[in-house]
Amino acid sequence: MAVTDAAPESIADPPLGDVPGQGAFGPTVDAFDRRADKLLEQVRGHPVADRVFTTASHVGEFSLIWHVISITRGLVKGRRDQVIVLAVLIGAESLIVNQGVKRLFKRTRPTTDGDDRLKVRKPMTSSFPSGHASAAAFAATMLTGWDSKRTGTVWFTLAGIVGTSRAYVRIHHASDVVGGLVVGRILGLVGRRIARRLLLA
């Protein structure tokens, strides 16, 4: 009886180490990642959710979605200078995160190719923080600084979807996404100050 009683418990809550990258930041973060993944697993497999989050993951590659938004916005508002500034600063943000912050942590990703049910590009960098999430928060912070708070709600909602998509497709731990959003927000606030000086020059 003791053996059969223990089996369901081990299935429901697998031991640490079963998912690559777990244990890097302690039990509290591990518990958060497990709960987040269980919540996302309740949605995975739904055709609409799969389409939304895999698409968000794809268009977040190389900050494509933010460059498209920036160019469209710049043409509509006649602010091509802001398009150039944002492109340069997003490039700098990507360099800082991917070649700087990620190298400090070197966290292993939960999977190398993402969830088997979903198709995503295989990343070359380490897991923490999520580059998609940091770039999204960075761009949303920059765009909100130039636009109204109402528009900012749209930018940050979109940033949240792009960031969440990386945990949804299992190419990042949920804590990687949270870390990326925080890093992107901080760098975005710094970017606002730099942009003010560049646009006034």
N, C-alpha and C. Protein backbone atom coordinates (compact mmCIF):
# COMPACT_ATOMS: atom_id res chain seq x y z
N MET A 1 0.82 -1.21 0.00
CA MET A 1 0.00 0.00 0.00
C MET A 1 0.86 1.26 0.00
N ALA A 2 1.98 1.21 0.71
CA ALA A 2 2.82 2.40 0.80
C ALA A 2 3.37 2.78 -0.57
N VAL A 3 3.67 1.75 -1.39
CA VAL A 3 4.23 2.03 -2.72
C VAL A 3 3.18 2.64 -3.63
N THR A 4 1.98 2.08 -3.61
CA THR A 4 0.92 2.59 -4.49
C THR A 4 0.46 3.97 -4.05
N ASP A 5 0.49 4.25 -2.75
CA ASP A 5 0.08 5.59 -2.28
C ASP A 5 1.09 6.64 -2.71
N ALA A 6 2.37 6.28 -2.79
CA ALA A 6 3.41 7.26 -3.10
C ALA A 6 3.45 7.61 -4.58
N ALA A 7 3.01 6.70 -5.43
CA ALA A 7 3.12 6.92 -6.87
C ALA A 7 2.39 8.14 -7.38
N PRO A 8 1.08 8.33 -7.04
CA PRO A 8 0.39 9.52 -7.54
C PRO A 8 1.03 10.81 -7.08
N GLU A 9 1.58 10.81 -5.86
CA GLU A 9 2.19 12.02 -5.33
C GLU A 9 3.43 12.41 -6.14
N SER A 10 4.23 11.40 -6.53
CA SER A 10 5.44 11.69 -7.29
C SER A 10 5.11 12.18 -8.70
N ILE A 11 3.99 11.70 -9.25
CA ILE A 11 3.58 12.14 -10.58
C ILE A 11 3.07 13.58 -10.53
N ALA A 12 2.30 13.89 -9.49
CA ALA A 12 1.72 15.23 -9.37
C ALA A 12 2.78 16.28 -9.09
N ASP A 13 3.81 15.88 -8.32
CA ASP A 13 4.83 16.84 -7.94
C ASP A 13 6.22 16.22 -8.11
N PRO A 14 6.75 16.20 -9.33
CA PRO A 14 8.02 15.53 -9.60
C PRO A 14 9.16 16.16 -8.81
N PRO A 15 10.18 15.40 -8.47
CA PRO A 15 11.29 15.93 -7.68
C PRO A 15 12.08 16.97 -8.44
N LEU A 16 12.81 17.81 -7.70
CA LEU A 16 13.63 18.83 -8.32
C LEU A 16 14.66 18.18 -9.24
N GLY A 17 14.92 18.85 -10.35
CA GLY A 17 15.89 18.34 -11.28
C GLY A 17 15.26 17.66 -12.48
N ASP A 18 13.97 17.31 -12.40
CA ASP A 18 13.29 16.68 -13.53
C ASP A 18 13.20 17.64 -14.72
N VAL A 19 13.06 18.92 -14.44
CA VAL A 19 13.02 19.94 -15.48
C VAL A 19 14.36 20.68 -15.48
N PRO A 20 15.08 20.70 -16.58
CA PRO A 20 16.36 21.40 -16.64
C PRO A 20 16.21 22.86 -16.20
N GLY A 21 17.18 23.33 -15.45
CA GLY A 21 17.16 24.72 -14.99
C GLY A 21 16.52 24.92 -13.65
N GLN A 22 15.80 23.91 -13.15
CA GLN A 22 15.21 24.03 -11.82
C GLN A 22 16.31 23.95 -10.78
N GLY A 23 16.08 24.59 -9.65
CA GLY A 23 17.05 24.58 -8.58
C GLY A 23 18.04 25.72 -8.64
N ALA A 24 18.02 26.50 -9.74
CA ALA A 24 18.99 27.58 -9.91
C ALA A 24 18.75 28.74 -8.95
N PHE A 25 17.48 29.00 -8.63
CA PHE A 25 17.14 30.16 -7.81
C PHE A 25 16.43 29.79 -6.51
N GLY A 26 16.45 28.54 -6.13
CA GLY A 26 15.88 28.13 -4.86
C GLY A 26 14.45 27.62 -4.95
N PRO A 27 13.96 27.04 -3.85
CA PRO A 27 12.66 26.38 -3.84
C PRO A 27 11.47 27.29 -4.10
N THR A 28 11.55 28.54 -3.67
CA THR A 28 10.42 29.45 -3.88
C THR A 28 10.20 29.72 -5.37
N VAL A 29 11.28 29.98 -6.08
CA VAL A 29 11.19 30.22 -7.52
C VAL A 29 10.76 28.95 -8.23
N ASP A 30 11.30 27.81 -7.78
CA ASP A 30 10.90 26.53 -8.39
C ASP A 30 9.41 26.29 -8.24
N ALA A 31 8.88 26.59 -7.04
CA ALA A 31 7.45 26.40 -6.80
C ALA A 31 6.63 27.31 -7.70
N PHE A 32 7.09 28.54 -7.88
CA PHE A 32 6.41 29.48 -8.77
C PHE A 32 6.40 28.96 -10.21
N ASP A 33 7.55 28.47 -10.66
CA ASP A 33 7.65 27.96 -12.03
C ASP A 33 6.74 26.76 -12.24
N ARG A 34 6.67 25.88 -11.25
CA ARG A 34 5.82 24.70 -11.35
C ARG A 34 4.34 25.09 -11.44
N ARG A 35 3.93 26.02 -10.57
CA ARG A 35 2.52 26.44 -10.57
C ARG A 35 2.17 27.12 -11.89
N ALA A 36 3.06 27.97 -12.36
CA ALA A 36 2.81 28.68 -13.62
C ALA A 36 2.69 27.69 -14.77
N ASP A 37 3.56 26.69 -14.81
CA ASP A 37 3.51 25.72 -15.89
C ASP A 37 2.24 24.88 -15.83
N LYS A 38 1.79 24.56 -14.62
CA LYS A 38 0.55 23.79 -14.48
C LYS A 38 -0.65 24.60 -14.99
N LEU A 39 -0.64 25.90 -14.70
CA LEU A 39 -1.72 26.76 -15.19
C LEU A 39 -1.70 26.85 -16.72
N LEU A 40 -0.52 27.01 -17.28
CA LEU A 40 -0.41 27.10 -18.74
C LEU A 40 -0.76 25.78 -19.41
N GLU A 41 -0.46 24.68 -18.73
CA GLU A 41 -0.75 23.36 -19.31
C GLU A 41 -2.26 23.16 -19.45
N GLN A 42 -3.05 23.84 -18.63
CA GLN A 42 -4.50 23.73 -18.74
C GLN A 42 -5.01 24.38 -20.03
N VAL A 43 -4.20 25.25 -20.61
CA VAL A 43 -4.59 25.95 -21.83
C VAL A 43 -3.92 25.37 -23.07
N ARG A 44 -2.71 24.82 -22.89
CA ARG A 44 -1.99 24.25 -24.04
C ARG A 44 -2.85 23.19 -24.72
N GLY A 45 -2.81 23.20 -26.03
CA GLY A 45 -3.62 22.26 -26.79
C GLY A 45 -4.90 22.87 -27.32
N HIS A 46 -5.31 24.01 -26.74
CA HIS A 46 -6.47 24.73 -27.27
C HIS A 46 -6.02 25.44 -28.55
N PRO A 47 -6.69 25.24 -29.67
CA PRO A 47 -6.20 25.77 -30.95
C PRO A 47 -6.02 27.29 -30.96
N VAL A 48 -6.92 28.03 -30.32
CA VAL A 48 -6.80 29.50 -30.32
C VAL A 48 -5.61 29.92 -29.48
N ALA A 49 -5.49 29.35 -28.28
CA ALA A 49 -4.38 29.70 -27.40
C ALA A 49 -3.04 29.32 -28.04
N ASP A 50 -2.99 28.14 -28.63
CA ASP A 50 -1.75 27.72 -29.29
C ASP A 50 -1.37 28.68 -30.40
N ARG A 51 -2.34 29.10 -31.19
CA ARG A 51 -2.06 30.02 -32.30
C ARG A 51 -1.60 31.38 -31.78
N VAL A 52 -2.29 31.90 -30.78
CA VAL A 52 -1.95 33.22 -30.25
C VAL A 52 -0.54 33.23 -29.68
N PHE A 53 -0.21 32.26 -28.83
CA PHE A 53 1.07 32.29 -28.14
C PHE A 53 2.24 31.86 -29.02
N THR A 54 2.02 30.92 -29.94
CA THR A 54 3.12 30.58 -30.84
C THR A 54 3.39 31.73 -31.81
N THR A 55 2.34 32.40 -32.25
CA THR A 55 2.52 33.56 -33.12
C THR A 55 3.25 34.67 -32.38
N ALA A 56 2.85 34.91 -31.12
CA ALA A 56 3.51 35.94 -30.32
C ALA A 56 4.98 35.62 -30.12
N SER A 57 5.27 34.34 -29.94
CA SER A 57 6.67 33.92 -29.77
C SER A 57 7.47 34.16 -31.04
N HIS A 58 6.87 33.85 -32.19
CA HIS A 58 7.56 34.02 -33.47
C HIS A 58 7.80 35.50 -33.78
N VAL A 59 6.77 36.34 -33.62
CA VAL A 59 6.93 37.75 -33.98
C VAL A 59 7.78 38.51 -32.97
N GLY A 60 8.01 37.89 -31.80
CA GLY A 60 8.90 38.49 -30.82
C GLY A 60 10.36 38.25 -31.13
N GLU A 61 10.64 37.32 -32.06
CA GLU A 61 12.02 37.04 -32.45
C GLU A 61 12.67 38.29 -33.03
N PHE A 62 13.87 38.59 -32.51
CA PHE A 62 14.64 39.75 -32.98
C PHE A 62 13.83 41.05 -32.87
N SER A 63 12.85 41.07 -31.93
CA SER A 63 12.02 42.26 -31.68
C SER A 63 11.26 42.70 -32.92
N LEU A 64 10.96 41.75 -33.81
CA LEU A 64 10.30 42.08 -35.07
C LEU A 64 9.02 42.87 -34.87
N ILE A 65 8.17 42.42 -33.94
CA ILE A 65 6.89 43.08 -33.73
C ILE A 65 7.08 44.54 -33.30
N TRP A 66 8.11 44.80 -32.51
CA TRP A 66 8.32 46.16 -32.00
C TRP A 66 8.88 47.07 -33.09
N HIS A 67 9.68 46.51 -33.97
CA HIS A 67 10.18 47.32 -35.09
C HIS A 67 9.04 47.66 -36.06
N VAL A 68 8.15 46.70 -36.31
CA VAL A 68 7.01 46.95 -37.19
C VAL A 68 6.11 48.03 -36.58
N ILE A 69 5.82 47.89 -35.29
CA ILE A 69 4.98 48.89 -34.61
C ILE A 69 5.65 50.25 -34.65
N SER A 70 6.94 50.29 -34.39
CA SER A 70 7.67 51.56 -34.36
C SER A 70 7.66 52.24 -35.72
N ILE A 71 7.91 51.46 -36.79
CA ILE A 71 7.92 52.04 -38.14
C ILE A 71 6.53 52.56 -38.52
N THR A 72 5.50 51.75 -38.25
CA THR A 72 4.12 52.16 -38.56
C THR A 72 3.76 53.42 -37.81
N ARG A 73 4.06 53.42 -36.51
CA ARG A 73 3.77 54.57 -35.66
C ARG A 73 4.53 55.81 -36.13
N GLY A 74 5.80 55.62 -36.49
CA GLY A 74 6.62 56.75 -36.93
C GLY A 74 6.11 57.38 -38.21
N LEU A 75 5.63 56.54 -39.13
CA LEU A 75 5.08 57.06 -40.38
C LEU A 75 3.79 57.82 -40.15
N VAL A 76 2.93 57.27 -39.28
CA VAL A 76 1.64 57.91 -38.99
C VAL A 76 1.83 59.24 -38.27
N LYS A 77 2.75 59.27 -37.32
CA LYS A 77 2.96 60.48 -36.52
C LYS A 77 4.01 61.41 -37.11
N GLY A 78 4.66 60.96 -38.17
CA GLY A 78 5.71 61.79 -38.75
C GLY A 78 6.93 61.90 -37.85
N ARG A 79 7.23 60.85 -37.09
CA ARG A 79 8.37 60.86 -36.17
C ARG A 79 9.36 59.77 -36.54
N ARG A 80 9.99 59.94 -37.68
CA ARG A 80 10.99 58.96 -38.11
C ARG A 80 12.21 58.99 -37.20
N ASP A 81 12.43 60.12 -36.54
CA ASP A 81 13.55 60.20 -35.61
C ASP A 81 13.37 59.23 -34.45
N GLN A 82 12.13 59.08 -33.99
CA GLN A 82 11.85 58.14 -32.91
C GLN A 82 12.01 56.70 -33.37
N VAL A 83 11.70 56.44 -34.63
CA VAL A 83 11.90 55.09 -35.18
C VAL A 83 13.37 54.72 -35.12
N ILE A 84 14.23 55.63 -35.52
CA ILE A 84 15.68 55.36 -35.53
C ILE A 84 16.20 55.19 -34.12
N VAL A 85 15.77 56.07 -33.23
CA VAL A 85 16.24 56.00 -31.85
C VAL A 85 15.82 54.69 -31.19
N LEU A 86 14.56 54.30 -31.40
CA LEU A 86 14.09 53.06 -30.79
C LEU A 86 14.83 51.85 -31.35
N ALA A 87 15.09 51.85 -32.65
CA ALA A 87 15.81 50.73 -33.27
C ALA A 87 17.21 50.60 -32.67
N VAL A 88 17.88 51.72 -32.50
CA VAL A 88 19.23 51.71 -31.93
C VAL A 88 19.19 51.24 -30.47
N LEU A 89 18.25 51.75 -29.71
CA LEU A 89 18.19 51.40 -28.29
C LEU A 89 17.74 49.96 -28.06
N ILE A 90 16.85 49.45 -28.90
CA ILE A 90 16.46 48.04 -28.78
C ILE A 90 17.66 47.15 -29.07
N GLY A 91 18.46 47.55 -30.04
CA GLY A 91 19.67 46.80 -30.33
C GLY A 91 20.62 46.79 -29.14
N ALA A 92 20.75 47.94 -28.49
CA ALA A 92 21.62 48.03 -27.31
C ALA A 92 21.05 47.20 -26.17
N GLU A 93 19.74 47.24 -26.00
CA GLU A 93 19.09 46.44 -24.94
C GLU A 93 19.32 44.96 -25.17
N SER A 94 19.19 44.52 -26.40
CA SER A 94 19.40 43.11 -26.73
C SER A 94 20.83 42.69 -26.43
N LEU A 95 21.78 43.55 -26.74
CA LEU A 95 23.19 43.25 -26.49
C LEU A 95 23.45 43.13 -24.99
N ILE A 96 22.89 44.04 -24.21
CA ILE A 96 23.09 44.02 -22.77
C ILE A 96 22.51 42.74 -22.15
N VAL A 97 21.30 42.39 -22.58
CA VAL A 97 20.63 41.22 -22.00
C VAL A 97 21.25 39.92 -22.47
N ASN A 98 21.41 39.76 -23.79
CA ASN A 98 21.85 38.47 -24.33
C ASN A 98 23.34 38.21 -24.17
N GLN A 99 24.15 39.27 -24.24
CA GLN A 99 25.59 39.07 -24.12
C GLN A 99 26.12 39.49 -22.75
N GLY A 100 25.25 40.06 -21.94
CA GLY A 100 25.69 40.51 -20.62
C GLY A 100 24.99 39.77 -19.49
N VAL A 101 23.71 40.08 -19.28
CA VAL A 101 22.98 39.52 -18.14
C VAL A 101 22.88 38.00 -18.23
N LYS A 102 22.54 37.48 -19.39
CA LYS A 102 22.40 36.02 -19.53
C LYS A 102 23.69 35.28 -19.19
N ARG A 103 24.82 35.87 -19.52
CA ARG A 103 26.10 35.23 -19.25
C ARG A 103 26.41 35.19 -17.75
N LEU A 104 25.79 36.06 -16.99
CA LEU A 104 26.00 36.06 -15.54
C LEU A 104 25.28 34.88 -14.88
N PHE A 105 24.13 34.49 -15.43
CA PHE A 105 23.32 33.46 -14.79
C PHE A 105 23.48 32.08 -15.44
N LYS A 106 23.58 32.03 -16.75
CA LYS A 106 23.78 30.77 -17.48
C LYS A 106 22.77 29.70 -17.06
N ARG A 107 21.53 30.08 -16.89
CA ARG A 107 20.51 29.12 -16.49
C ARG A 107 20.10 28.24 -17.68
N THR A 108 19.91 26.96 -17.41
CA THR A 108 19.50 26.03 -18.44
C THR A 108 18.02 26.20 -18.76
N ARG A 109 17.67 26.14 -20.03
CA ARG A 109 16.28 26.25 -20.43
C ARG A 109 15.51 24.98 -20.06
N PRO A 110 14.19 25.09 -19.85
CA PRO A 110 13.39 23.90 -19.50
C PRO A 110 13.38 22.86 -20.62
N THR A 111 13.48 23.31 -21.87
CA THR A 111 13.62 22.42 -23.03
C THR A 111 14.57 23.09 -24.02
N THR A 112 15.11 22.30 -24.92
CA THR A 112 16.00 22.87 -25.93
C THR A 112 15.25 23.33 -27.18
N ASP A 113 14.12 22.70 -27.45
CA ASP A 113 13.36 23.00 -28.67
C ASP A 113 11.92 23.43 -28.40
N GLY A 114 11.57 23.62 -27.13
CA GLY A 114 10.19 23.98 -26.81
C GLY A 114 9.31 22.76 -26.65
N ASP A 115 8.05 22.99 -26.34
CA ASP A 115 7.08 21.91 -26.19
C ASP A 115 6.95 21.14 -27.51
N ASP A 116 6.88 19.82 -27.41
CA ASP A 116 6.81 18.98 -28.62
C ASP A 116 5.59 19.27 -29.48
N ARG A 117 4.55 19.83 -28.87
CA ARG A 117 3.31 20.10 -29.60
C ARG A 117 3.35 21.43 -30.35
N LEU A 118 4.37 22.24 -30.07
CA LEU A 118 4.43 23.59 -30.62
C LEU A 118 5.76 23.80 -31.33
N LYS A 119 5.74 24.54 -32.42
CA LYS A 119 6.96 24.76 -33.20
C LYS A 119 7.53 26.15 -32.90
N VAL A 120 8.76 26.17 -32.39
CA VAL A 120 9.45 27.43 -32.12
C VAL A 120 10.91 27.30 -32.55
N ARG A 121 11.55 28.43 -32.72
CA ARG A 121 12.96 28.44 -33.09
C ARG A 121 13.82 28.04 -31.89
N LYS A 122 14.84 27.25 -32.14
CA LYS A 122 15.75 26.84 -31.07
C LYS A 122 16.68 27.99 -30.71
N PRO A 123 16.63 28.48 -29.47
CA PRO A 123 17.48 29.62 -29.07
C PRO A 123 18.93 29.17 -28.87
N MET A 124 19.83 30.12 -28.96
CA MET A 124 21.25 29.83 -28.78
C MET A 124 21.77 30.30 -27.43
N THR A 125 21.04 31.18 -26.75
CA THR A 125 21.51 31.74 -25.49
C THR A 125 20.92 30.97 -24.30
N SER A 126 21.35 31.34 -23.10
CA SER A 126 20.84 30.70 -21.89
C SER A 126 19.46 31.25 -21.54
N SER A 127 18.90 30.76 -20.44
CA SER A 127 17.48 30.96 -20.19
C SER A 127 17.11 32.26 -19.47
N PHE A 128 17.90 32.66 -18.47
CA PHE A 128 17.50 33.81 -17.64
C PHE A 128 18.32 35.05 -17.96
N PRO A 129 17.63 36.18 -18.16
CA PRO A 129 16.18 36.39 -18.27
C PRO A 129 15.72 36.18 -19.71
N SER A 130 14.40 36.16 -19.91
CA SER A 130 13.85 36.00 -21.25
C SER A 130 14.13 37.24 -22.08
N GLY A 131 14.81 37.06 -23.21
CA GLY A 131 15.08 38.19 -24.10
C GLY A 131 13.83 38.73 -24.76
N HIS A 132 12.88 37.84 -25.07
CA HIS A 132 11.59 38.29 -25.62
C HIS A 132 10.89 39.22 -24.63
N ALA A 133 10.86 38.80 -23.37
CA ALA A 133 10.15 39.57 -22.34
C ALA A 133 10.85 40.89 -22.07
N SER A 134 12.18 40.88 -22.01
CA SER A 134 12.91 42.12 -21.72
C SER A 134 12.75 43.12 -22.86
N ALA A 135 12.86 42.64 -24.10
CA ALA A 135 12.68 43.53 -25.25
C ALA A 135 11.27 44.09 -25.30
N ALA A 136 10.29 43.24 -24.94
CA ALA A 136 8.89 43.68 -24.95
C ALA A 136 8.65 44.77 -23.92
N ALA A 137 9.15 44.56 -22.70
CA ALA A 137 8.97 45.56 -21.65
C ALA A 137 9.74 46.84 -21.98
N PHE A 138 10.92 46.68 -22.58
CA PHE A 138 11.72 47.83 -22.98
C PHE A 138 10.98 48.67 -24.01
N ALA A 139 10.49 48.02 -25.06
CA ALA A 139 9.78 48.73 -26.13
C ALA A 139 8.50 49.37 -25.60
N ALA A 140 7.76 48.64 -24.77
CA ALA A 140 6.51 49.18 -24.22
C ALA A 140 6.79 50.41 -23.37
N THR A 141 7.87 50.37 -22.60
CA THR A 141 8.24 51.52 -21.77
C THR A 141 8.61 52.72 -22.63
N MET A 142 9.38 52.49 -23.68
CA MET A 142 9.77 53.57 -24.57
C MET A 142 8.57 54.17 -25.30
N LEU A 143 7.72 53.31 -25.85
CA LEU A 143 6.56 53.79 -26.60
C LEU A 143 5.58 54.53 -25.70
N THR A 144 5.40 54.04 -24.48
CA THR A 144 4.50 54.70 -23.54
C THR A 144 5.02 56.08 -23.17
N GLY A 145 6.33 56.23 -23.11
CA GLY A 145 6.92 57.53 -22.81
C GLY A 145 6.64 58.56 -23.89
N TRP A 146 6.44 58.07 -25.11
CA TRP A 146 6.15 58.98 -26.22
C TRP A 146 4.66 59.16 -26.46
N ASP A 147 3.87 58.20 -26.04
CA ASP A 147 2.43 58.24 -26.29
C ASP A 147 1.65 58.46 -25.00
N SER A 148 0.33 58.38 -25.10
CA SER A 148 -0.52 58.56 -23.92
C SER A 148 -0.53 57.30 -23.07
N LYS A 149 -1.00 57.45 -21.82
CA LYS A 149 -1.08 56.29 -20.93
C LYS A 149 -2.09 55.27 -21.46
N ARG A 150 -3.12 55.74 -22.14
CA ARG A 150 -4.12 54.83 -22.70
C ARG A 150 -3.47 53.92 -23.74
N THR A 151 -2.64 54.49 -24.59
CA THR A 151 -1.92 53.68 -25.57
C THR A 151 -0.93 52.77 -24.88
N GLY A 152 -0.37 53.25 -23.76
CA GLY A 152 0.57 52.44 -23.00
C GLY A 152 -0.04 51.14 -22.52
N THR A 153 -1.33 51.17 -22.21
CA THR A 153 -2.01 49.95 -21.80
C THR A 153 -1.95 48.89 -22.90
N VAL A 154 -2.09 49.34 -24.14
CA VAL A 154 -2.01 48.43 -25.28
C VAL A 154 -0.60 47.87 -25.39
N TRP A 155 0.41 48.73 -25.26
CA TRP A 155 1.80 48.27 -25.41
C TRP A 155 2.17 47.26 -24.34
N PHE A 156 1.79 47.52 -23.10
CA PHE A 156 2.17 46.62 -22.02
C PHE A 156 1.36 45.32 -22.05
N THR A 157 0.12 45.40 -22.52
CA THR A 157 -0.65 44.17 -22.68
C THR A 157 -0.01 43.28 -23.73
N LEU A 158 0.40 43.89 -24.83
CA LEU A 158 1.09 43.15 -25.89
C LEU A 158 2.42 42.58 -25.38
N ALA A 159 3.12 43.38 -24.58
CA ALA A 159 4.38 42.92 -24.01
C ALA A 159 4.16 41.71 -23.11
N GLY A 160 3.07 41.73 -22.34
CA GLY A 160 2.75 40.61 -21.47
C GLY A 160 2.46 39.34 -22.25
N ILE A 161 1.77 39.49 -23.37
CA ILE A 161 1.45 38.33 -24.22
C ILE A 161 2.73 37.74 -24.82
N VAL A 162 3.60 38.61 -25.34
CA VAL A 162 4.85 38.15 -25.93
C VAL A 162 5.71 37.45 -24.87
N GLY A 163 5.79 38.05 -23.69
CA GLY A 163 6.58 37.44 -22.63
C GLY A 163 6.02 36.10 -22.19
N THR A 164 4.72 36.05 -21.96
CA THR A 164 4.06 34.82 -21.52
C THR A 164 4.21 33.71 -22.55
N SER A 165 4.26 34.08 -23.81
CA SER A 165 4.36 33.08 -24.87
C SER A 165 5.60 32.21 -24.71
N ARG A 166 6.65 32.77 -24.14
CA ARG A 166 7.89 32.01 -24.01
C ARG A 166 7.79 30.91 -22.96
N ALA A 167 7.01 31.15 -21.92
CA ALA A 167 6.75 30.09 -20.93
C ALA A 167 5.72 29.13 -21.49
N TYR A 168 4.78 29.63 -22.26
CA TYR A 168 3.74 28.80 -22.86
C TYR A 168 4.34 27.74 -23.78
N VAL A 169 5.30 28.13 -24.61
CA VAL A 169 5.92 27.18 -25.53
C VAL A 169 7.03 26.38 -24.86
N ARG A 170 7.25 26.63 -23.59
CA ARG A 170 8.23 25.91 -22.76
C ARG A 170 9.68 26.10 -23.23
N ILE A 171 9.99 27.26 -23.73
CA ILE A 171 11.37 27.56 -24.07
C ILE A 171 12.00 28.38 -22.96
N HIS A 172 11.16 28.84 -22.01
CA HIS A 172 11.61 29.58 -20.84
C HIS A 172 10.85 29.13 -19.61
N HIS A 173 11.48 29.26 -18.45
CA HIS A 173 10.79 29.11 -17.18
C HIS A 173 9.96 30.38 -16.97
N ALA A 174 8.87 30.28 -16.22
CA ALA A 174 8.04 31.46 -15.96
C ALA A 174 8.83 32.56 -15.26
N SER A 175 9.74 32.17 -14.37
CA SER A 175 10.55 33.16 -13.66
C SER A 175 11.51 33.89 -14.61
N ASP A 176 11.89 33.24 -15.71
CA ASP A 176 12.70 33.91 -16.73
C ASP A 176 11.92 35.07 -17.34
N VAL A 177 10.62 34.83 -17.55
CA VAL A 177 9.76 35.85 -18.14
C VAL A 177 9.61 37.03 -17.19
N VAL A 178 9.35 36.73 -15.91
CA VAL A 178 9.23 37.79 -14.91
C VAL A 178 10.52 38.59 -14.83
N GLY A 179 11.65 37.88 -14.78
CA GLY A 179 12.94 38.56 -14.74
C GLY A 179 13.16 39.43 -15.97
N GLY A 180 12.77 38.92 -17.13
CA GLY A 180 12.92 39.68 -18.36
C GLY A 180 12.08 40.95 -18.36
N LEU A 181 10.85 40.85 -17.87
CA LEU A 181 9.98 42.03 -17.81
C LEU A 181 10.55 43.09 -16.88
N VAL A 182 11.11 42.65 -15.76
CA VAL A 182 11.71 43.60 -14.81
C VAL A 182 12.94 44.26 -15.41
N VAL A 183 13.83 43.46 -15.99
CA VAL A 183 15.05 44.00 -16.61
C VAL A 183 14.69 44.96 -17.75
N GLY A 184 13.73 44.56 -18.58
CA GLY A 184 13.32 45.41 -19.69
C GLY A 184 12.72 46.72 -19.24
N ARG A 185 11.95 46.66 -18.17
CA ARG A 185 11.35 47.89 -17.64
C ARG A 185 12.43 48.85 -17.13
N ILE A 186 13.40 48.31 -16.39
CA ILE A 186 14.47 49.15 -15.86
C ILE A 186 15.29 49.77 -16.99
N LEU A 187 15.67 48.95 -17.96
CA LEU A 187 16.43 49.46 -19.10
C LEU A 187 15.61 50.44 -19.92
N GLY A 188 14.30 50.22 -19.97
CA GLY A 188 13.43 51.13 -20.70
C GLY A 188 13.39 52.51 -20.07
N LEU A 189 13.38 52.57 -18.75
CA LEU A 189 13.39 53.86 -18.07
C LEU A 189 14.70 54.60 -18.32
N VAL A 190 15.80 53.84 -18.36
CA VAL A 190 17.08 54.44 -18.71
C VAL A 190 17.06 54.90 -20.17
N GLY A 191 16.47 54.05 -21.02
CA GLY A 191 16.38 54.39 -22.43
C GLY A 191 15.60 55.66 -22.70
N ARG A 192 14.57 55.91 -21.89
CA ARG A 192 13.79 57.15 -22.05
C ARG A 192 14.69 58.38 -21.89
N ARG A 193 15.55 58.35 -20.89
CA ARG A 193 16.44 59.49 -20.64
C ARG A 193 17.43 59.67 -21.78
N ILE A 194 17.96 58.56 -22.26
CA ILE A 194 18.89 58.64 -23.39
C ILE A 194 18.18 59.18 -24.62
N ALA A 195 16.95 58.71 -24.86
CA ALA A 195 16.19 59.16 -26.03
C ALA A 195 15.92 60.65 -25.97
N ARG A 196 15.61 61.16 -24.80
CA ARG A 196 15.35 62.61 -24.67
C ARG A 196 16.57 63.41 -25.11
N ARG A 197 17.73 62.97 -24.69
CA ARG A 197 18.96 63.69 -25.05
C ARG A 197 19.25 63.55 -26.55
N LEU A 198 19.05 62.39 -27.10
CA LEU A 198 19.31 62.19 -28.53
C LEU A 198 18.37 62.99 -29.39
N LEU A 199 17.09 63.05 -29.01
CA LEU A 199 16.09 63.73 -29.83
C LEU A 199 16.19 65.24 -29.70
N LEU A 200 16.85 65.72 -28.63
CA LEU A 200 17.03 67.14 -28.46
C LEU A 200 18.33 67.63 -29.10
N ALA A 201 19.20 66.67 -29.44
CA ALA A 201 20.52 67.03 -30.00
C ALA A 201 20.38 67.58 -31.42
